[in-house]
Amino acid sequence: KNRYAEIERKHATAEEQLSTTSAERDALLQDKLALQSNISGKESAAAELERKLVDVAAQLANSARQLQQTQAELRGANKR
């Protein structure tokens, strides 16, 4: 009878530990999902910034070409 009570106590302790560990696992999974979502959002924002930088660089290159063309036209007009 005493051995049976000891086994029941160990069983109850094991169930309690399992429950606690399961709750900790669930909390960690939620944290992981939140972090993954945060990372995904930041990656999307970074990709958008990169697209904008590419657009601005293209606009700058176009403006530089237009400026050079205008300067060449002005030099040509001044020589006449």
Protein backbone atom coordinates (compact mmCIF):
# COMPACT_ATOMS: atom_id res chain seq x y z
CA LYS A 1 0.00 0.00 0.00
CA ASN A 2 2.84 2.38 0.86
CA ARG A 3 4.55 1.56 -2.46
CA TYR A 4 1.30 2.24 -4.33
CA ALA A 5 1.00 5.67 -2.66
CA GLU A 6 4.59 6.47 -3.65
CA ILE A 7 3.89 5.50 -7.27
CA GLU A 8 0.73 7.64 -7.30
CA ARG A 9 2.70 10.59 -5.90
CA LYS A 10 5.38 10.19 -8.57
CA HIS A 11 2.68 9.94 -11.21
CA ALA A 12 1.01 13.14 -9.99
CA THR A 13 4.37 14.93 -9.92
CA ALA A 14 5.15 13.75 -13.46
CA GLU A 15 1.74 14.94 -14.71
CA GLU A 16 2.29 18.33 -13.06
CA GLN A 17 5.74 18.65 -14.65
CA LEU A 18 4.30 17.65 -18.01
CA SER A 19 1.58 20.26 -17.71
CA THR A 20 4.08 22.96 -16.72
CA THR A 21 6.46 22.01 -19.51
CA SER A 22 3.62 21.99 -22.05
CA ALA A 23 2.54 25.46 -20.95
CA GLU A 24 6.13 26.71 -21.24
CA ARG A 25 6.40 25.16 -24.70
CA ASP A 26 3.16 26.83 -25.80
CA ALA A 27 4.38 30.20 -24.51
CA LEU A 28 7.69 29.78 -26.33
CA LEU A 29 5.88 28.85 -29.54
CA GLN A 30 3.79 32.00 -29.26
CA ASP A 31 6.95 34.06 -28.71
CA LYS A 32 8.54 32.38 -31.72
CA LEU A 33 5.53 33.17 -33.92
CA ALA A 34 5.54 36.79 -32.75
CA LEU A 35 9.26 37.11 -33.51
CA GLN A 36 8.83 35.50 -36.93
CA SER A 37 6.02 37.92 -37.72
CA ASN A 38 8.13 40.85 -36.56
CA ILE A 39 11.08 39.69 -38.67
CA SER A 40 8.83 39.19 -41.68
CA GLY A 41 7.45 42.71 -41.30
CA LYS A 42 10.93 44.17 -41.02
CA GLU A 43 12.11 42.20 -44.05
CA SER A 44 9.16 43.55 -46.04
CA ALA A 45 9.95 47.10 -44.93
CA ALA A 46 13.62 46.62 -45.85
CA ALA A 47 12.66 45.30 -49.29
CA GLU A 48 10.38 48.30 -49.83
CA LEU A 49 13.17 50.69 -48.84
CA GLU A 50 15.51 48.91 -51.22
CA ARG A 51 13.00 49.31 -54.08
CA LYS A 52 12.67 53.01 -53.27
CA LEU A 53 16.46 53.41 -53.22
CA VAL A 54 16.71 51.77 -56.64
CA ASP A 55 14.02 54.15 -57.97
CA VAL A 56 15.76 57.20 -56.49
CA ALA A 57 19.11 56.08 -57.90
CA ALA A 58 17.53 55.73 -61.35
CA GLN A 59 15.96 59.18 -61.04
CA LEU A 60 19.31 60.67 -59.99
CA ALA A 61 21.07 59.05 -62.94
CA ASN A 62 18.38 60.39 -65.29
CA SER A 63 18.66 63.87 -63.79
CA ALA A 64 22.45 63.78 -64.14
CA ARG A 65 22.13 62.82 -67.83
CA GLN A 66 19.63 65.63 -68.42
CA LEU A 67 21.93 68.10 -66.67
CA GLN A 68 24.92 67.02 -68.77
CA GLN A 69 22.83 67.29 -71.93
CA THR A 70 21.63 70.77 -70.99
CA GLN A 71 25.18 71.88 -70.14
CA ALA A 72 26.39 70.59 -73.51
CA GLU A 73 23.59 72.49 -75.27
CA LEU A 74 24.51 75.67 -73.37
CA ARG A 75 28.17 75.31 -74.32
CA GLY A 76 27.13 74.78 -77.93
CA ALA A 77 24.89 77.85 -77.85
CA ASN A 78 27.65 79.99 -76.31
CA LYS A 79 30.07 79.04 -79.09
CA ARG A 80 27.73 80.33 -81.78
